C-alpha atoms as a PDB file:
ATOM      1  CA  MET A   1      93.291  61.861  82.157  1.00  0.00           C
ATOM      2  CA  SER A   2      91.633  60.133  85.097  1.00  0.00           C
ATOM      3  CA  GLU A   3      90.198  61.776  88.205  1.00  0.00           C
ATOM      4  CA  ARG A   4      92.760  60.229  90.566  1.00  0.00           C
ATOM      5  CA  VAL A   5      94.144  62.719  93.082  1.00  0.00           C
ATOM      6  CA  ARG A   6      97.599  61.171  92.861  1.00  0.00           C
ATOM      7  CA  PRO A   7      98.948  59.555  89.701  1.00  0.00           C
ATOM      8  CA  VAL A   8      99.624  55.969  88.772  1.00  0.00           C
ATOM      9  CA  VAL A   9     103.246  55.496  87.785  1.00  0.00           C
ATOM     10  CA  ALA A  10     103.665  52.610  85.316  1.00  0.00           C
ATOM     11  CA  ILE A  11     107.228  51.339  84.827  1.00  0.00           C
ATOM     12  CA  ASP A  12     107.889  48.727  82.145  1.00  0.00           C
ATOM     13  CA  GLY A  13     111.031  47.273  80.642  1.00  0.00           C
ATOM     14  CA  PRO A  14     113.033  44.089  80.083  1.00  0.00           C
ATOM     15  CA  ALA A  15     114.579  41.926  82.794  1.00  0.00           C
ATOM     16  CA  GLY A  16     117.650  43.434  84.442  1.00  0.00           C
ATOM     17  CA  ALA A  17     116.981  47.013  83.359  1.00  0.00           C
ATOM     18  CA  GLY A  18     116.889  48.135  86.988  1.00  0.00           C
ATOM     19  CA  LYS A  19     113.112  48.442  87.340  1.00  0.00           C
ATOM     20  CA  SER A  20     112.903  46.985  90.855  1.00  0.00           C
ATOM     21  CA  THR A  21     115.600  49.204  92.351  1.00  0.00           C
ATOM     22  CA  VAL A  22     114.394  52.340  90.584  1.00  0.00           C
ATOM     23  CA  ALA A  23     110.713  51.666  91.364  1.00  0.00           C
ATOM     24  CA  ARG A  24     111.480  51.183  95.065  1.00  0.00           C
ATOM     25  CA  ARG A  25     113.523  54.372  95.278  1.00  0.00           C
ATOM     26  CA  LEU A  26     110.982  56.371  93.304  1.00  0.00           C
ATOM     27  CA  ALA A  27     108.086  55.124  95.446  1.00  0.00           C
ATOM     28  CA  GLU A  28     109.982  56.115  98.592  1.00  0.00           C
ATOM     29  CA  GLU A  29     110.706  59.632  97.321  1.00  0.00           C
ATOM     30  CA  LEU A  30     107.121  60.163  96.172  1.00  0.00           C
ATOM     31  CA  GLY A  31     105.600  58.577  99.271  1.00  0.00           C
ATOM     32  CA  PHE A  32     103.758  56.130  97.001  1.00  0.00           C
ATOM     33  CA  VAL A  33     102.987  52.435  97.438  1.00  0.00           C
ATOM     34  CA  LEU A  34     105.204  50.035  95.477  1.00  0.00           C
ATOM     35  CA  VAL A  35     103.486  47.192  93.592  1.00  0.00           C
ATOM     36  CA  ASP A  36     105.857  44.601  92.093  1.00  0.00           C
ATOM     37  CA  THR A  37     103.701  42.791  89.540  1.00  0.00           C
ATOM     38  CA  GLY A  38     106.632  40.709  88.369  1.00  0.00           C
ATOM     39  CA  ALA A  39     106.807  39.158  91.822  1.00  0.00           C
ATOM     40  CA  MET A  40     103.204  38.005  91.380  1.00  0.00           C
ATOM     41  CA  TYR A  41     104.092  36.013  88.270  1.00  0.00           C
ATOM     42  CA  ARG A  42     107.240  34.681  89.909  1.00  0.00           C
ATOM     43  CA  ALA A  43     105.186  33.479  92.870  1.00  0.00           C
ATOM     44  CA  VAL A  44     102.768  31.675  90.553  1.00  0.00           C
ATOM     45  CA  ALA A  45     105.729  30.081  88.760  1.00  0.00           C
ATOM     46  CA  LEU A  46     107.264  28.958  92.064  1.00  0.00           C
ATOM     47  CA  VAL A  47     104.031  27.356  93.254  1.00  0.00           C
ATOM     48  CA  ALA A  48     103.537  25.672  89.871  1.00  0.00           C
ATOM     49  CA  ILE A  49     107.047  24.218  89.984  1.00  0.00           C
ATOM     50  CA  ARG A  50     106.513  22.961  93.515  1.00  0.00           C
ATOM     51  CA  GLN A  51     103.187  21.393  92.624  1.00  0.00           C
ATOM     52  CA  GLY A  52     104.521  19.814  89.457  1.00  0.00           C
ATOM     53  CA  VAL A  53     102.184  21.802  87.213  1.00  0.00           C
ATOM     54  CA  SER A  54     103.398  22.012  83.634  1.00  0.00           C
ATOM     55  CA  LEU A  55     104.481  25.480  82.596  1.00  0.00           C
ATOM     56  CA  HIS A  56     102.697  24.922  79.306  1.00  0.00           C
ATOM     57  CA  GLU A  57      99.254  24.108  80.739  1.00  0.00           C
ATOM     58  CA  GLY A  58      97.491  27.463  80.742  1.00  0.00           C
ATOM     59  CA  ALA A  59      94.270  26.308  82.389  1.00  0.00           C
ATOM     60  CA  ALA A  60      96.096  24.578  85.248  1.00  0.00           C
ATOM     61  CA  LEU A  61      98.401  27.552  85.764  1.00  0.00           C
ATOM     62  CA  GLY A  62      95.414  29.889  85.722  1.00  0.00           C
ATOM     63  CA  GLU A  63      93.874  27.881  88.532  1.00  0.00           C
ATOM     64  CA  VAL A  64      97.121  28.113  90.507  1.00  0.00           C
ATOM     65  CA  ALA A  65      97.031  31.904  90.149  1.00  0.00           C
ATOM     66  CA  ALA A  66      93.293  32.138  90.853  1.00  0.00           C
ATOM     67  CA  GLY A  67      93.725  29.956  93.917  1.00  0.00           C
ATOM     68  CA  LEU A  68      96.412  32.232  95.356  1.00  0.00           C
ATOM     69  CA  VAL A  69      94.147  35.250  94.867  1.00  0.00           C
ATOM     70  CA  ARG A  70      90.985  33.491  96.079  1.00  0.00           C
ATOM     71  CA  GLU A  71      92.631  32.173  99.233  1.00  0.00           C
ATOM     72  CA  HIS A  72      94.533  35.418  99.932  1.00  0.00           C
ATOM     73  CA  ALA A  73      97.641  33.263  99.941  1.00  0.00           C
ATOM     74  CA  LEU A  74      99.902  35.795  98.219  1.00  0.00           C
ATOM     75  CA  VAL A  75     100.943  38.585 100.559  1.00  0.00           C
ATOM     76  CA  PHE A  76     103.262  41.539  99.947  1.00  0.00           C
ATOM     77  CA  GLU A  77     104.903  43.381 102.806  1.00  0.00           C
ATOM     78  CA  ARG A  78     107.225  46.357 102.900  1.00  0.00           C
ATOM     79  CA  GLY A  79     110.819  45.196 103.099  1.00  0.00           C
ATOM     80  CA  ASP A  80     114.416  46.280 102.811  1.00  0.00           C
ATOM     81  CA  GLY A  81     116.888  45.681  99.996  1.00  0.00           C
ATOM     82  CA  ASP A  82     116.751  46.322  96.272  1.00  0.00           C
ATOM     83  CA  THR A  83     113.180  45.123  95.801  1.00  0.00           C
ATOM     84  CA  GLY A  84     111.654  46.951  98.766  1.00  0.00           C
ATOM     85  CA  VAL A  85     109.052  44.237  99.234  1.00  0.00           C
ATOM     86  CA  ARG A  86     108.820  40.844 100.937  1.00  0.00           C
ATOM     87  CA  VAL A  87     106.693  38.179  99.280  1.00  0.00           C
ATOM     88  CA  LYS A  88     104.967  35.572 101.418  1.00  0.00           C
ATOM     89  CA  LEU A  89     102.878  32.503 100.645  1.00  0.00           C
ATOM     90  CA  GLY A  90     100.117  31.051 102.799  1.00  0.00           C
ATOM     91  CA  ASN A  91      96.584  31.984 103.786  1.00  0.00           C
ATOM     92  CA  ALA A  92      97.402  32.353 107.470  1.00  0.00           C
ATOM     93  CA  PRO A  93     100.447  33.126 109.634  1.00  0.00           C
ATOM     94  CA  PRO A  94     103.138  31.971 109.773  1.00  0.00           C
ATOM     95  CA  ARG A  95     103.426  32.500 106.040  1.00  0.00           C
ATOM     96  CA  GLU A  96     106.488  31.340 104.117  1.00  0.00           C
ATOM     97  CA  ASP A  97     108.815  34.115 103.020  1.00  0.00           C
ATOM     98  CA  VAL A  98     109.668  33.289  99.392  1.00  0.00           C
ATOM     99  CA  SER A  99     111.324  36.610  98.555  1.00  0.00           C
ATOM    100  CA  ASP A 100     114.624  34.925  97.705  1.00  0.00           C
ATOM    101  CA  ALA A 101     113.126  31.751  96.238  1.00  0.00           C
ATOM    102  CA  ILE A 102     111.280  33.681  93.518  1.00  0.00           C
ATOM    103  CA  ARG A 103     114.483  35.463  92.427  1.00  0.00           C
ATOM    104  CA  THR A 104     116.383  32.371  91.281  1.00  0.00           C
ATOM    105  CA  PRO A 105     117.269  32.081  87.569  1.00  0.00           C
ATOM    106  CA  GLU A 106     115.025  29.005  87.257  1.00  0.00           C
ATOM    107  CA  VAL A 107     111.955  30.781  88.621  1.00  0.00           C
ATOM    108  CA  ALA A 108     112.703  33.959  86.659  1.00  0.00           C
ATOM    109  CA  LEU A 109     112.721  32.032  83.390  1.00  0.00           C
ATOM    110  CA  ALA A 110     109.644  30.041  84.406  1.00  0.00           C
ATOM    111  CA  ALA A 111     107.809  33.269  85.248  1.00  0.00           C
ATOM    112  CA  SER A 112     108.323  34.496  81.693  1.00  0.00           C
ATOM    113  CA  VAL A 113     106.657  31.311  80.395  1.00  0.00           C
ATOM    114  CA  VAL A 114     103.859  31.436  82.969  1.00  0.00           C
ATOM    115  CA  SER A 115     103.057  35.086  82.278  1.00  0.00           C
ATOM    116  CA  ALA A 116     102.402  34.334  78.609  1.00  0.00           C
ATOM    117  CA  HIS A 117      99.240  32.376  79.449  1.00  0.00           C
ATOM    118  CA  PRO A 118      95.992  34.400  79.199  1.00  0.00           C
ATOM    119  CA  GLU A 119      94.486  32.422  82.090  1.00  0.00           C
ATOM    120  CA  VAL A 120      97.244  33.536  84.448  1.00  0.00           C
ATOM    121  CA  ARG A 121      97.156  37.155  83.348  1.00  0.00           C
ATOM    122  CA  ALA A 122      93.366  37.251  83.735  1.00  0.00           C
ATOM    123  CA  ALA A 123      93.601  35.826  87.247  1.00  0.00           C
ATOM    124  CA  LEU A 124      96.087  38.494  88.352  1.00  0.00           C
ATOM    125  CA  LEU A 125      94.848  41.489  86.358  1.00  0.00           C
ATOM    126  CA  ASP A 126      92.073  42.501  88.753  1.00  0.00           C
ATOM    127  CA  LEU A 127      94.471  42.157  91.695  1.00  0.00           C
ATOM    128  CA  GLN A 128      96.931  44.505  89.992  1.00  0.00           C
ATOM    129  CA  ARG A 129      94.275  47.042  89.051  1.00  0.00           C
ATOM    130  CA  GLN A 130      92.771  47.019  92.536  1.00  0.00           C
ATOM    131  CA  ALA A 131      96.207  47.777  93.976  1.00  0.00           C
ATOM    132  CA  GLY A 132      96.483  50.958  91.926  1.00  0.00           C
ATOM    133  CA  ALA A 133      92.888  52.047  91.498  1.00  0.00           C
ATOM    134  CA  ASP A 134      93.162  55.071  93.811  1.00  0.00           C
ATOM    135  CA  GLY A 135      96.512  56.258  92.478  1.00  0.00           C
ATOM    136  CA  GLY A 136      99.561  57.072  94.536  1.00  0.00           C
ATOM    137  CA  VAL A 137     101.279  53.863  93.415  1.00  0.00           C
ATOM    138  CA  VAL A 138     104.335  52.827  91.456  1.00  0.00           C
ATOM    139  CA  LEU A 139     103.789  49.602  89.521  1.00  0.00           C
ATOM    140  CA  GLU A 140     106.575  47.852  87.646  1.00  0.00           C
ATOM    141  CA  GLY A 141     106.442  44.959  85.255  1.00  0.00           C
ATOM    142  CA  ARG A 142     106.198  44.153  81.550  1.00  0.00           C
ATOM    143  CA  ASP A 143     102.733  45.422  80.542  1.00  0.00           C
ATOM    144  CA  ILE A 144     101.743  47.998  83.143  1.00  0.00           C
ATOM    145  CA  GLY A 145     101.455  50.936  80.766  1.00  0.00           C
ATOM    146  CA  THR A 146     100.059  48.911  77.877  1.00  0.00           C
ATOM    147  CA  VAL A 147      97.523  46.574  79.536  1.00  0.00           C
ATOM    148  CA  VAL A 148      97.166  46.937  83.309  1.00  0.00           C
ATOM    149  CA  PHE A 149      96.973  50.749  83.419  1.00  0.00           C
ATOM    150  CA  PRO A 150      96.827  52.118  79.858  1.00  0.00           C
ATOM    151  CA  ASP A 151      95.425  55.324  81.401  1.00  0.00           C
ATOM    152  CA  ALA A 152      98.356  55.771  83.813  1.00  0.00           C
ATOM    153  CA  GLU A 153      99.306  59.407  84.223  1.00  0.00           C
ATOM    154  CA  ALA A 154     103.054  58.667  84.148  1.00  0.00           C
ATOM    155  CA  LYS A 155     104.296  55.903  81.837  1.00  0.00           C
ATOM    156  CA  ILE A 156     107.974  54.978  81.860  1.00  0.00           C
ATOM    157  CA  PHE A 157     110.014  52.458  79.866  1.00  0.00           C
ATOM    158  CA  LEU A 158     113.427  51.546  81.265  1.00  0.00           C
ATOM    159  CA  THR A 159     115.977  49.729  79.150  1.00  0.00           C
ATOM    160  CA  ALA A 160     119.706  48.941  79.081  1.00  0.00           C
ATOM    161  CA  SER A 161     122.133  46.944  76.976  1.00  0.00           C
ATOM    162  CA  PRO A 162     121.862  43.133  77.305  1.00  0.00           C
ATOM    163  CA  GLN A 163     125.422  42.914  78.608  1.00  0.00           C
ATOM    164  CA  VAL A 164     124.823  45.441  81.380  1.00  0.00           C
ATOM    165  CA  ARG A 165     121.530  43.804  82.335  1.00  0.00           C
ATOM    166  CA  ALA A 166     123.186  40.395  82.620  1.00  0.00           C
ATOM    167  CA  ARG A 167     126.022  41.801  84.750  1.00  0.00           C
ATOM    168  CA  ARG A 168     123.546  43.458  87.092  1.00  0.00           C
ATOM    169  CA  ARG A 169     121.616  40.242  87.515  1.00  0.00           C
ATOM    170  CA  PHE A 170     124.888  38.348  88.066  1.00  0.00           C
ATOM    171  CA  ALA A 171     125.814  40.756  90.881  1.00  0.00           C
ATOM    172  CA  GLU A 172     122.406  40.202  92.495  1.00  0.00           C
ATOM    173  CA  VAL A 173     122.798  36.414  92.298  1.00  0.00           C
ATOM    174  CA  GLN A 174     126.252  36.578  93.829  1.00  0.00           C
ATOM    175  CA  ALA A 175     125.070  38.882  96.617  1.00  0.00           C
ATOM    176  CA  ARG A 176     122.335  36.409  97.545  1.00  0.00           C
ATOM    177  CA  GLY A 177     124.685  33.445  97.318  1.00  0.00           C
ATOM    178  CA  GLN A 178     122.334  31.694  94.912  1.00  0.00           C
ATOM    179  CA  THR A 179     123.335  28.542  93.079  1.00  0.00           C
ATOM    180  CA  ASN A 180     121.779  26.338  90.435  1.00  0.00           C
ATOM    181  CA  ASP A 181     119.498  23.505  91.530  1.00  0.00           C
ATOM    182  CA  ASP A 182     122.412  21.063  91.331  1.00  0.00           C
ATOM    183  CA  GLY A 183     124.524  23.236  93.610  1.00  0.00           C
ATOM    184  CA  SER A 184     126.799  24.543  90.850  1.00  0.00           C
ATOM    185  CA  ALA A 185     127.675  28.219  90.595  1.00  0.00           C
ATOM    186  CA  VAL A 186     125.581  30.499  88.413  1.00  0.00           C
ATOM    187  CA  THR A 187     127.788  31.933  85.682  1.00  0.00           C
ATOM    188  CA  LEU A 188     127.603  35.221  83.832  1.00  0.00           C
ATOM    189  CA  GLU A 189     127.423  33.356  80.512  1.00  0.00           C
ATOM    190  CA  GLN A 190     124.458  31.347  81.812  1.00  0.00           C
ATOM    191  CA  LEU A 191     122.619  34.510  82.805  1.00  0.00           C
ATOM    192  CA  GLU A 192     123.366  36.159  79.459  1.00  0.00           C
ATOM    193  CA  ASN A 193     121.849  33.181  77.650  1.00  0.00           C
ATOM    194  CA  GLU A 194     118.818  33.113  79.948  1.00  0.00           C
ATOM    195  CA  MET A 195     118.378  36.868  79.512  1.00  0.00           C
ATOM    196  CA  GLN A 196     118.269  36.445  75.740  1.00  0.00           C
ATOM    197  CA  ARG A 197     115.735  33.637  76.024  1.00  0.00           C
ATOM    198  CA  ARG A 198     113.564  35.649  78.385  1.00  0.00           C
ATOM    199  CA  ASP A 199     113.703  38.738  76.167  1.00  0.00           C
ATOM    200  CA  SER A 200     112.583  36.608  73.226  1.00  0.00           C
ATOM    201  CA  GLN A 201     109.733  35.119  75.251  1.00  0.00           C
ATOM    202  CA  ASP A 202     108.572  38.474  76.625  1.00  0.00           C
ATOM    203  CA  VAL A 203     108.641  40.300  73.300  1.00  0.00           C
ATOM    204  CA  GLY A 204     107.285  37.450  71.196  1.00  0.00           C
ATOM    205  CA  ARG A 205     104.408  36.197  73.315  1.00  0.00           C
ATOM    206  CA  ALA A 206     100.930  36.517  71.853  1.00  0.00           C
ATOM    207  CA  VAL A 207      99.363  37.958  75.014  1.00  0.00           C
ATOM    208  CA  ALA A 208     100.540  41.326  76.386  1.00  0.00           C
ATOM    209  CA  PRO A 209     104.009  41.308  74.804  1.00  0.00           C
ATOM    210  CA  LEU A 210     106.684  43.575  76.193  1.00  0.00           C
ATOM    211  CA  ARG A 211     106.621  46.883  74.333  1.00  0.00           C
ATOM    212  CA  GLN A 212     106.904  50.577  74.960  1.00  0.00           C
ATOM    213  CA  ALA A 213     103.579  52.186  75.898  1.00  0.00           C
ATOM    214  CA  ASP A 214     102.328  55.141  73.877  1.00  0.00           C
ATOM    215  CA  GLY A 215     103.486  58.365  75.477  1.00  0.00           C
ATOM    216  CA  ALA A 216     106.014  56.656  77.738  1.00  0.00           C
ATOM    217  CA  LEU A 217     109.231  58.338  78.817  1.00  0.00           C
ATOM    218  CA  VAL A 218     112.060  56.085  77.596  1.00  0.00           C
ATOM    219  CA  VAL A 219     115.218  56.000  79.709  1.00  0.00           C
ATOM    220  CA  ASP A 220     118.319  54.064  78.679  1.00  0.00           C
ATOM    221  CA  CYS A 221     119.903  53.071  81.996  1.00  0.00           C
ATOM    222  CA  THR A 222     123.047  51.529  80.491  1.00  0.00           C
ATOM    223  CA  ALA A 223     125.411  54.282  81.630  1.00  0.00           C
ATOM    224  CA  LEU A 224     123.287  56.123  84.204  1.00  0.00           C
ATOM    225  CA  ALA A 225     123.624  55.987  87.992  1.00  0.00           C
ATOM    226  CA  VAL A 226     120.524  55.030  89.971  1.00  0.00           C
ATOM    227  CA  ASP A 227     120.375  58.456  91.621  1.00  0.00           C
ATOM    228  CA  ASP A 228     120.312  60.161  88.220  1.00  0.00           C
ATOM    229  CA  ILE A 229     117.594  57.847  86.917  1.00  0.00           C
ATOM    230  CA  VAL A 230     115.410  58.370  89.980  1.00  0.00           C
ATOM    231  CA  ALA A 231     115.857  62.157  89.813  1.00  0.00           C
ATOM    232  CA  GLN A 232     114.814  62.172  86.158  1.00  0.00           C
ATOM    233  CA  LEU A 233     111.754  60.024  86.810  1.00  0.00           C
ATOM    234  CA  HIS A 234     110.789  62.029  89.905  1.00  0.00           C
ATOM    235  CA  ALA A 235     110.740  65.236  87.853  1.00  0.00           C
ATOM    236  CA  PHE A 236     108.742  63.506  85.115  1.00  0.00           C
ATOM    237  CA  VAL A 237     106.100  62.230  87.549  1.00  0.00           C
ATOM    238  CA  LEU A 238     105.739  65.663  89.130  1.00  0.00           C
ATOM    239  CA  SER A 239     105.291  67.204  85.702  1.00  0.00           C
ATOM    240  CA  ARG A 240     102.535  64.701  84.910  1.00  0.00           C
ATOM    241  CA  SER A 241     100.892  65.232  88.297  1.00  0.00           C
ATOM    242  CA  SER A 242     100.453  68.938  87.662  1.00  0.00           C
ATOM    243  CA  ARG A 243      98.361  68.433  84.523  1.00  0.00           C
END
């Protein structure tokens, strides 16, 4: 166990398991800082797409990520809504708010590809660890408890059935009024297919694959209400904090 006064809470799990909503609520109840690492990879993917950088060129993508960190061009601010954070691009005000742009199906799928490159993960790893070094943070992503903070005091793995995860993501897309790049409506079947592809990419990648961390509390969120999940995790974190 580390010497942090307040614990690091590491939440991992597949896309659509409810990590963002639960992490935000849990951070609020604990009075902790929320760090959405997935948004970091989504931001890199968005910039790469805009710049025409191939999603399969690890070195070029690593430079995109390193450039964002080096130029302090990736900024996270406290926000409202399910994610609880606003993501902005630019090294000086007025920065562009890309909070909605990084949540499109296209960018979500691209982020899964981008995050598989060691160069990208290396560029963002120090940024993630710096954010949680002093404890008192809730970090959510795919490899928080296995790679970013393997010594986290409270490790959690959230999961849910693929069908429920796709329906949740579909509701989010509808609420934001998002469409495909060609203006057509995003369908539930499309999201189910993309979810399966992303799961395969996340679990099968060679670098930091999605998996349950040793000692993690596993919570199946398929049939649980958010309030019940948060209450269970809150109690778990408090139990780990007292050790």
